[in-house]
Amino acid sequence: MNFSTIRLPSWARSIGLSVCASLAAFSAHTAASNTIDDAFINEVVSSYQLDERWIRTQVKAAQFNPEIIERITTPWEAKPWYQYQTIFLKPERVEQAVEFWQQHQQVLARAEQQYGVPPQFIAAIIGVETYFGRFKGDKKVLDSLYTLGFHYPKRAKFFRSELGHFLALSYEQGWDPATIYGSYAGAMGFPQFISSSYRAYAVDFNGDGQRDLLNSPEDAIGSVANYFAEHGWQAGTCLVDEVTLTPAAEKFVQTDTKIKHSWGDVRGAGIVTSQHLSDNDKVMLFPLAQDENINRHYLGCNNFYVITRYNHSRLYAMAVYRLSQQIEAAWQAKQVAN
């Protein structure tokens, strides 16, 4: 049936037009009405010791963006693994990663020496996040954080906190907040740091006196490595391994990203891995859908958990891990060829 040929009665068309007009008016009113209140401004001023007039001037520019709400309610991480992985695990991304590694070889080597994080993981993070700086985001960070902090009750507390951090960060960096662009969730720069992470973990890795994640791949490399190190990355230790699930181990299977089971307990339930673990090491046991009917199970160790601190998703961490493997293999092949 061609629904475009159906003609509604006049009363239905009138109601439809009325509803559309009302929604449009509501959206326009919402967009025009900045609902940042004095309580929030006072909290930011108190928390970061910023000038109140400066804060009020900056937040007046914040605008509601309905697209932000749409994006956050339909995240990529809601997809099953077999669909999600195809977004990132592509030959062209691996090729670009090798070029990025070649271009920044000395910086990546220095980051590994200082923080213990191998180049392929740093490249994988930056590759997944922004395709090595090609896609840093097209949303005003101020609008994103305002929209989510004041019009998305589910996570309002978190995003209001990030808005406060963003204002403090802008003041510290000498930015005009209204001119900074990032993701729909307010993440910025080559590595897509949120404001609190930028303030806490960004480093000046090229020695120019600035922590510039928006424009400096060198600072981004050092900052990703520092982020991993600060969250407990352990060089040369277990990351993740595919395992065969036993009936006794089913009680350990989880869907969150907590690393809460001891390897001794999981091993005692019949799980076997080639990774070197002590019985006291914490692990996670989780499924990933290979297609509509098949799950495979994986044992995640400490370093896998660290990747989930960057993005609280097992799918994200697995994509980074798999991409890092492909990058390392391509890099080694290039070295042999040369």
Protein backbone atom coordinates (compact mmCIF):
# COMPACT_ATOMS: atom_id res chain seq x y z
CA MET A 1 0.00 0.00 0.00
CA ASN A 2 1.23 3.48 -0.89
CA PHE A 3 0.54 5.47 2.25
CA SER A 4 1.42 8.70 0.48
CA THR A 5 -1.87 8.47 -1.43
CA ILE A 6 -4.04 8.33 1.69
CA ARG A 7 -5.88 11.59 2.28
CA LEU A 8 -6.90 12.34 5.85
CA PRO A 9 -10.22 14.01 6.64
CA SER A 10 -10.06 17.74 7.29
CA TRP A 11 -10.57 17.39 11.05
CA ALA A 12 -7.60 14.99 11.28
CA ARG A 13 -5.44 17.27 9.15
CA SER A 14 -6.36 20.19 11.38
CA ILE A 15 -5.43 18.28 14.54
CA GLY A 16 -2.17 17.11 12.94
CA LEU A 17 -1.23 20.62 11.89
CA SER A 18 -2.14 21.92 15.33
CA VAL A 19 0.01 19.34 17.07
CA CYS A 20 2.94 20.02 14.74
CA ALA A 21 2.61 23.74 15.30
CA SER A 22 2.50 23.22 19.06
CA LEU A 23 5.59 21.02 18.99
CA ALA A 24 7.42 23.51 16.82
CA ALA A 25 6.45 26.32 19.15
CA PHE A 26 7.55 24.28 22.16
CA SER A 27 10.90 23.47 20.56
CA ALA A 28 11.46 27.10 19.60
CA HIS A 29 10.53 28.23 23.09
CA THR A 30 12.83 25.64 24.67
CA ALA A 31 15.69 26.58 22.40
CA ALA A 32 15.23 30.26 23.14
CA SER A 33 14.83 29.83 26.90
CA ASN A 34 18.10 29.24 28.69
CA THR A 35 17.17 27.44 31.91
CA ILE A 36 20.53 27.63 33.67
CA ASP A 37 19.65 28.79 37.16
CA ASP A 38 21.42 30.79 39.86
CA ALA A 39 22.01 27.66 41.92
CA PHE A 40 24.13 26.15 39.17
CA ILE A 41 26.05 29.39 38.60
CA ASN A 42 26.74 29.78 42.32
CA GLU A 43 27.94 26.19 42.52
CA VAL A 44 30.37 26.68 39.62
CA VAL A 45 31.67 29.94 41.07
CA SER A 46 32.20 28.29 44.46
CA SER A 47 33.72 25.06 43.14
CA TYR A 48 36.22 26.61 40.71
CA GLN A 49 36.70 30.10 42.15
CA LEU A 50 35.65 31.74 38.90
CA ASP A 51 34.34 35.24 38.35
CA GLU A 52 30.55 35.21 38.53
CA ARG A 53 30.11 37.82 35.80
CA TRP A 54 32.30 35.80 33.46
CA ILE A 55 30.27 32.66 34.14
CA ARG A 56 26.96 34.45 33.56
CA THR A 57 28.24 35.90 30.31
CA GLN A 58 29.35 32.50 29.02
CA VAL A 59 26.25 30.50 29.95
CA LYS A 60 23.94 33.02 28.25
CA ALA A 61 25.25 31.69 24.94
CA ALA A 62 24.19 28.08 25.68
CA GLN A 63 21.34 26.83 23.50
CA PHE A 64 19.15 23.76 23.58
CA ASN A 65 19.84 21.35 20.70
CA PRO A 66 17.19 18.63 20.23
CA GLU A 67 19.54 16.56 18.06
CA ILE A 68 21.71 15.99 21.14
CA ILE A 69 18.81 14.27 22.93
CA GLU A 70 18.17 12.09 19.89
CA ARG A 71 21.81 11.07 19.66
CA ILE A 72 22.25 10.12 23.28
CA THR A 73 19.12 7.99 23.28
CA THR A 74 20.33 5.96 20.27
CA PRO A 75 24.02 5.20 21.03
CA TRP A 76 26.16 2.88 18.90
CA GLU A 77 26.88 0.84 22.02
CA ALA A 78 23.26 -0.33 22.00
CA LYS A 79 24.01 -2.40 18.90
CA PRO A 80 24.99 -6.09 19.19
CA TRP A 81 28.69 -6.85 18.83
CA TYR A 82 28.44 -8.32 15.33
CA GLN A 83 27.01 -5.01 14.08
CA TYR A 84 29.05 -2.70 16.32
CA GLN A 85 32.44 -4.10 15.29
CA THR A 86 31.85 -3.34 11.61
CA ILE A 87 31.82 0.37 12.40
CA PHE A 88 35.46 0.36 13.48
CA LEU A 89 37.22 -2.76 12.23
CA LYS A 90 37.90 -1.70 8.67
CA PRO A 91 41.08 -2.02 6.57
CA GLU A 92 41.20 1.70 5.85
CA ARG A 93 41.26 2.51 9.56
CA VAL A 94 44.15 0.11 10.05
CA GLU A 95 46.01 1.69 7.12
CA GLN A 96 45.52 5.16 8.59
CA ALA A 97 46.69 3.88 11.98
CA VAL A 98 49.95 2.65 10.49
CA GLU A 99 50.46 6.03 8.84
CA PHE A 100 49.73 7.73 12.17
CA TRP A 101 52.24 5.43 13.89
CA GLN A 102 54.85 6.15 11.24
CA GLN A 103 54.31 9.90 11.51
CA HIS A 104 54.47 9.93 15.32
CA GLN A 105 56.79 6.99 15.91
CA GLN A 106 59.14 8.75 18.32
CA VAL A 107 56.28 10.29 20.32
CA LEU A 108 54.50 6.93 20.62
CA ALA A 109 57.73 5.24 21.69
CA ARG A 110 58.27 7.89 24.35
CA ALA A 111 54.71 7.45 25.60
CA GLU A 112 55.23 3.70 25.91
CA GLN A 113 58.51 4.22 27.75
CA GLN A 114 56.97 6.72 30.17
CA TYR A 115 53.53 5.16 30.73
CA GLY A 116 53.88 1.53 29.63
CA VAL A 117 51.13 1.71 27.00
CA PRO A 118 52.09 0.21 23.59
CA PRO A 119 51.62 2.36 20.46
CA GLN A 120 48.97 0.13 18.92
CA PHE A 121 46.57 0.78 21.81
CA ILE A 122 47.06 4.54 21.71
CA ALA A 123 46.58 4.52 17.95
CA ALA A 124 43.48 2.34 18.30
CA ILE A 125 41.88 4.75 20.79
CA ILE A 126 42.51 7.80 18.63
CA GLY A 127 41.46 5.85 15.55
CA VAL A 128 38.16 4.77 17.09
CA GLU A 129 37.43 8.15 18.62
CA THR A 130 38.17 10.57 15.77
CA TYR A 131 39.74 8.67 12.89
CA PHE A 132 43.08 10.26 13.84
CA GLY A 133 41.67 13.75 14.16
CA ARG A 134 39.53 13.79 11.04
CA PHE A 135 36.21 13.82 12.90
CA LYS A 136 36.50 15.65 16.20
CA GLY A 137 32.81 16.54 16.44
CA ASP A 138 30.52 19.15 14.96
CA LYS A 139 28.50 20.10 18.06
CA LYS A 140 29.18 23.08 20.29
CA VAL A 141 30.36 21.59 23.58
CA LEU A 142 28.59 24.35 25.48
CA ASP A 143 25.27 23.49 23.83
CA SER A 144 25.76 19.74 24.26
CA LEU A 145 26.48 19.94 27.96
CA TYR A 146 23.73 22.48 28.58
CA THR A 147 21.19 20.39 26.66
CA LEU A 148 22.08 17.19 28.52
CA GLY A 149 22.54 18.85 31.89
CA PHE A 150 19.23 20.73 31.87
CA HIS A 151 17.00 18.80 29.45
CA TYR A 152 17.98 15.15 29.97
CA PRO A 153 16.95 14.22 33.52
CA LYS A 154 18.34 10.67 33.29
CA ARG A 155 21.94 11.95 33.46
CA ALA A 156 21.45 15.58 34.39
CA LYS A 157 23.73 15.44 37.43
CA PHE A 158 26.66 14.08 35.44
CA PHE A 159 26.35 16.53 32.57
CA ARG A 160 25.83 19.54 34.84
CA SER A 161 29.06 18.55 36.53
CA GLU A 162 30.74 18.31 33.12
CA LEU A 163 29.39 21.74 32.19
CA GLY A 164 31.01 23.14 35.31
CA HIS A 165 34.28 21.43 34.41
CA PHE A 166 34.00 22.77 30.86
CA LEU A 167 33.58 26.33 32.06
CA ALA A 168 36.56 25.93 34.40
CA LEU A 169 38.60 24.32 31.61
CA SER A 170 37.72 27.12 29.19
CA TYR A 171 38.84 29.71 31.72
CA GLU A 172 42.09 27.82 32.37
CA GLN A 173 42.82 27.35 28.66
CA GLY A 174 41.78 30.86 27.65
CA TRP A 175 38.99 29.57 25.39
CA ASP A 176 35.79 31.22 24.37
CA PRO A 177 33.42 28.37 25.42
CA ALA A 178 30.96 29.11 22.61
CA THR A 179 33.62 28.41 19.97
CA ILE A 180 34.68 24.91 21.10
CA TYR A 181 33.28 21.95 19.17
CA GLY A 182 33.13 18.26 20.06
CA SER A 183 30.82 15.27 20.20
CA TYR A 184 27.14 15.25 21.10
CA ALA A 185 28.19 14.21 24.63
CA GLY A 186 30.69 17.05 25.00
CA ALA A 187 33.91 15.11 24.31
CA MET A 188 36.74 17.03 22.66
CA GLY A 189 39.84 16.82 20.55
CA PHE A 190 41.85 13.98 19.03
CA PRO A 191 41.14 11.59 21.95
CA GLN A 192 37.64 12.88 22.75
CA PHE A 193 38.22 13.66 26.42
CA ILE A 194 35.28 14.93 28.41
CA SER A 195 35.99 18.10 30.36
CA SER A 196 36.70 16.46 33.73
CA SER A 197 39.11 14.01 32.08
CA TYR A 198 40.77 16.82 30.15
CA ARG A 199 41.42 18.70 33.39
CA ALA A 200 42.60 15.60 35.26
CA TYR A 201 44.59 13.60 32.70
CA ALA A 202 45.65 15.79 29.76
CA VAL A 203 49.41 16.36 29.57
CA ASP A 204 51.69 18.70 27.65
CA PHE A 205 53.62 16.06 25.72
CA ASN A 206 55.26 18.28 23.13
CA GLY A 207 56.69 20.76 25.64
CA ASP A 208 55.05 23.91 24.31
CA GLY A 209 53.49 24.84 27.65
CA GLN A 210 49.93 23.94 26.59
CA ARG A 211 47.77 20.86 27.09
CA ASP A 212 46.21 21.07 23.65
CA LEU A 213 44.09 18.05 22.81
CA LEU A 214 42.14 19.98 20.18
CA ASN A 215 45.07 20.50 17.83
CA SER A 216 48.12 18.56 19.03
CA PRO A 217 48.38 14.83 18.22
CA GLU A 218 51.49 14.73 20.42
CA ASP A 219 49.57 15.93 23.47
CA ALA A 220 46.76 13.52 22.59
CA ILE A 221 49.18 10.57 22.49
CA GLY A 222 50.68 11.41 25.86
CA SER A 223 47.28 12.09 27.39
CA VAL A 224 45.75 8.78 26.29
CA ALA A 225 48.77 6.95 27.70
CA ASN A 226 48.56 8.93 30.94
CA TYR A 227 44.83 8.19 31.20
CA PHE A 228 45.47 4.47 30.91
CA ALA A 229 48.33 4.59 33.42
CA GLU A 230 46.30 6.57 35.94
CA HIS A 231 43.50 3.99 35.67
CA GLY A 232 45.81 1.08 36.43
CA TRP A 233 47.24 -0.14 33.12
CA GLN A 234 49.86 -2.83 33.74
CA ALA A 235 52.39 -3.23 30.94
CA GLY A 236 52.71 -6.71 29.50
CA THR A 237 49.82 -8.28 31.43
CA CYS A 238 46.62 -10.05 30.39
CA LEU A 239 43.99 -8.14 28.46
CA VAL A 240 41.29 -10.46 27.08
CA ASP A 241 40.93 -14.05 25.90
CA GLU A 242 38.16 -16.05 24.28
CA VAL A 243 37.16 -18.98 26.49
CA THR A 244 34.75 -21.91 26.47
CA LEU A 245 31.92 -21.46 28.94
CA THR A 246 31.24 -24.35 31.29
CA PRO A 247 27.93 -24.98 33.12
CA ALA A 248 29.63 -24.30 36.46
CA ALA A 249 30.92 -20.93 35.23
CA GLU A 250 27.55 -19.62 34.08
CA LYS A 251 27.02 -17.93 37.45
CA PHE A 252 30.07 -15.74 36.75
CA VAL A 253 28.82 -14.41 33.40
CA GLN A 254 28.09 -10.67 33.56
CA THR A 255 26.80 -7.91 31.32
CA ASP A 256 28.40 -4.95 33.13
CA THR A 257 32.03 -3.82 33.06
CA LYS A 258 32.91 -4.49 36.68
CA ILE A 259 36.00 -6.57 37.29
CA LYS A 260 34.72 -8.42 40.33
CA HIS A 261 35.48 -12.16 40.12
CA SER A 262 38.75 -13.73 41.22
CA TRP A 263 40.53 -15.83 38.64
CA GLY A 264 40.81 -18.62 41.22
CA ASP A 265 37.02 -18.87 41.47
CA VAL A 266 36.50 -18.72 37.71
CA ARG A 267 39.26 -21.22 37.09
CA GLY A 268 37.68 -23.49 39.67
CA ALA A 269 34.52 -23.45 37.58
CA GLY A 270 36.39 -24.97 34.66
CA ILE A 271 37.39 -21.94 32.61
CA VAL A 272 40.72 -22.37 30.83
CA THR A 273 42.91 -19.57 29.45
CA SER A 274 46.38 -19.23 27.98
CA GLN A 275 46.87 -15.98 29.88
CA HIS A 276 49.17 -15.85 32.90
CA LEU A 277 47.04 -15.08 35.95
CA SER A 278 47.28 -15.58 39.67
CA ASP A 279 44.28 -16.81 41.62
CA ASN A 280 43.84 -13.40 43.26
CA ASP A 281 43.69 -11.49 39.97
CA LYS A 282 40.30 -9.95 39.23
CA VAL A 283 38.57 -10.80 35.97
CA MET A 284 35.26 -10.40 34.16
CA LEU A 285 33.48 -13.11 32.18
CA PHE A 286 31.14 -11.84 29.49
CA PRO A 287 29.34 -12.77 26.24
CA LEU A 288 29.43 -11.06 22.85
CA ALA A 289 26.90 -11.81 20.14
CA GLN A 290 28.54 -13.14 16.97
CA ASP A 291 25.24 -13.16 15.12
CA GLU A 292 21.55 -13.34 16.00
CA ASN A 293 21.91 -16.82 17.51
CA ILE A 294 25.47 -17.31 18.70
CA ASN A 295 27.30 -15.86 21.72
CA ARG A 296 30.97 -16.34 22.43
CA HIS A 297 32.43 -15.79 25.87
CA TYR A 298 35.50 -13.83 26.86
CA LEU A 299 37.67 -13.44 29.91
CA GLY A 300 38.56 -9.80 30.51
CA CYS A 301 41.54 -8.96 32.69
CA ASN A 302 42.77 -5.75 34.31
CA ASN A 303 43.91 -4.00 31.12
CA PHE A 304 40.61 -4.74 29.40
CA TYR A 305 38.88 -3.15 32.39
CA VAL A 306 41.14 -0.08 32.01
CA ILE A 307 39.92 0.39 28.43
CA THR A 308 36.32 0.32 29.70
CA ARG A 309 37.19 3.30 31.93
CA TYR A 310 37.66 5.29 28.73
CA ASN A 311 34.21 4.26 27.54
CA HIS A 312 32.07 2.13 29.86
CA SER A 313 31.25 -0.47 27.23
CA ARG A 314 32.55 -3.99 26.68
CA LEU A 315 31.86 -3.54 22.96
CA TYR A 316 34.02 -0.43 22.86
CA ALA A 317 36.87 -2.12 24.72
CA MET A 318 36.73 -5.16 22.45
CA ALA A 319 36.73 -2.95 19.34
CA VAL A 320 39.81 -1.13 20.63
CA TYR A 321 41.53 -4.43 21.43
CA ARG A 322 40.75 -6.03 18.06
CA LEU A 323 41.77 -2.88 16.19
CA SER A 324 45.02 -2.74 18.17
CA GLN A 325 45.78 -6.32 17.10
CA GLN A 326 45.20 -5.47 13.46
CA ILE A 327 47.30 -2.30 13.74
CA GLU A 328 50.20 -4.16 15.36
CA ALA A 329 50.10 -6.89 12.70
CA ALA A 330 50.05 -4.31 9.88
CA TRP A 331 52.88 -2.37 11.50
CA GLN A 332 55.05 -5.49 11.87
CA ALA A 333 54.35 -6.45 8.25
CA LYS A 334 55.43 -2.99 7.15
CA GLN A 335 58.69 -3.27 9.10
CA VAL A 336 59.48 -6.63 7.50
CA ALA A 337 58.67 -5.27 4.05
CA ASN A 338 61.02 -2.34 4.58
